[in-house]
Amino acid sequence: MKPEMLLLLWAVVLTFAHVLIAASGAFMQVGLPMLAGNRDNMPALTGWAGRAQRAHRNMLENLVLSLRRSYSWSSQRVGPTR
């Protein structure tokens, strides 16, 4: 496996870990009914739950850029062409 794809795989694993951490923090602060219902009036998360939510959103934004970069690197031909 190419190093770029391996790093991308680990980034996806880290993103999934961010999902679990952010969801558990939100669950502890606002509870399941608020998370499962309409989120129009959801209060802002504070403390580590708010930080986990921001880190998760930041990781999602950067993952899109990483996907694009890894795809362009992996699609380039390396070696002699015929």
Protein backbone atom coordinates (compact mmCIF):
# COMPACT_ATOMS: atom_id res chain seq x y z
CA MET A 1 0.00 0.00 0.00
CA LYS A 2 1.30 3.44 -0.87
CA PRO A 3 2.25 5.68 2.07
CA GLU A 4 -0.30 8.31 1.03
CA MET A 5 -3.13 5.80 1.16
CA LEU A 6 -1.94 4.46 4.51
CA LEU A 7 -1.93 7.97 5.98
CA LEU A 8 -5.38 8.59 4.53
CA LEU A 9 -6.64 5.37 6.11
CA TRP A 10 -5.33 6.48 9.51
CA ALA A 11 -6.94 9.90 9.03
CA VAL A 12 -10.30 8.19 8.47
CA VAL A 13 -9.79 6.12 11.64
CA LEU A 14 -8.96 9.30 13.56
CA THR A 15 -12.07 11.01 12.16
CA PHE A 16 -14.22 8.12 13.34
CA ALA A 17 -12.66 8.43 16.80
CA HIS A 18 -13.50 12.14 16.76
CA VAL A 19 -17.12 11.26 15.98
CA LEU A 20 -17.34 8.97 18.99
CA ILE A 21 -15.68 11.44 21.36
CA ALA A 22 -17.77 14.42 20.19
CA ALA A 23 -21.01 12.42 20.34
CA SER A 24 -20.30 11.15 23.84
CA GLY A 25 -19.49 14.67 25.04
CA ALA A 26 -22.69 16.05 23.55
CA PHE A 27 -24.67 13.17 25.03
CA MET A 28 -23.28 13.89 28.49
CA GLN A 29 -24.12 17.61 28.28
CA VAL A 30 -27.52 17.78 26.57
CA GLY A 31 -28.84 14.22 26.70
CA LEU A 32 -30.26 11.84 24.14
CA PRO A 33 -33.68 13.48 23.59
CA MET A 34 -32.03 16.75 22.53
CA LEU A 35 -29.56 14.97 20.24
CA ALA A 36 -32.24 12.78 18.66
CA GLY A 37 -34.73 15.60 18.20
CA ASN A 38 -34.82 18.86 16.32
CA ARG A 39 -31.53 20.71 16.87
CA ASP A 40 -32.81 24.22 16.20
CA ASN A 41 -32.70 25.17 19.88
CA MET A 42 -29.68 23.12 20.92
CA PRO A 43 -27.49 24.95 23.42
CA ALA A 44 -23.82 25.53 22.65
CA LEU A 45 -21.58 22.83 24.02
CA THR A 46 -19.03 23.97 26.57
CA GLY A 47 -15.83 22.56 28.00
CA TRP A 48 -14.27 19.49 26.47
CA ALA A 49 -17.47 18.58 24.62
CA GLY A 50 -17.39 21.86 22.72
CA ARG A 51 -13.71 21.40 21.96
CA ALA A 52 -14.34 17.85 20.72
CA GLN A 53 -17.13 19.10 18.45
CA ARG A 54 -14.90 21.80 16.96
CA ALA A 55 -12.03 19.33 16.50
CA HIS A 56 -14.37 16.91 14.73
CA ARG A 57 -15.66 19.57 12.35
CA ASN A 58 -12.11 20.74 11.66
CA MET A 59 -11.04 17.17 10.89
CA LEU A 60 -13.94 16.74 8.45
CA GLU A 61 -13.01 19.94 6.61
CA ASN A 62 -9.37 18.90 6.34
CA LEU A 63 -10.20 15.33 5.37
CA VAL A 64 -11.79 16.56 2.16
CA LEU A 65 -8.56 18.33 1.22
CA SER A 66 -6.53 15.27 2.14
CA LEU A 67 -8.74 13.04 0.00
CA ARG A 68 -8.23 15.30 -2.98
CA ARG A 69 -4.47 15.46 -2.49
CA SER A 70 -4.13 11.71 -1.97
CA TYR A 71 -6.24 10.99 -5.03
CA SER A 72 -4.15 13.28 -7.21
CA TRP A 73 -0.92 11.74 -5.89
CA SER A 74 -2.10 8.17 -6.36
CA SER A 75 -3.40 8.80 -9.87
CA GLN A 76 -0.06 10.12 -11.12
CA ARG A 77 2.04 7.68 -13.06
CA VAL A 78 5.39 6.81 -11.57
CA GLY A 79 8.05 5.17 -13.66
CA PRO A 80 8.62 4.85 -17.39
CA THR A 81 5.71 5.41 -19.71
CA ARG A 82 5.13 3.37 -22.83
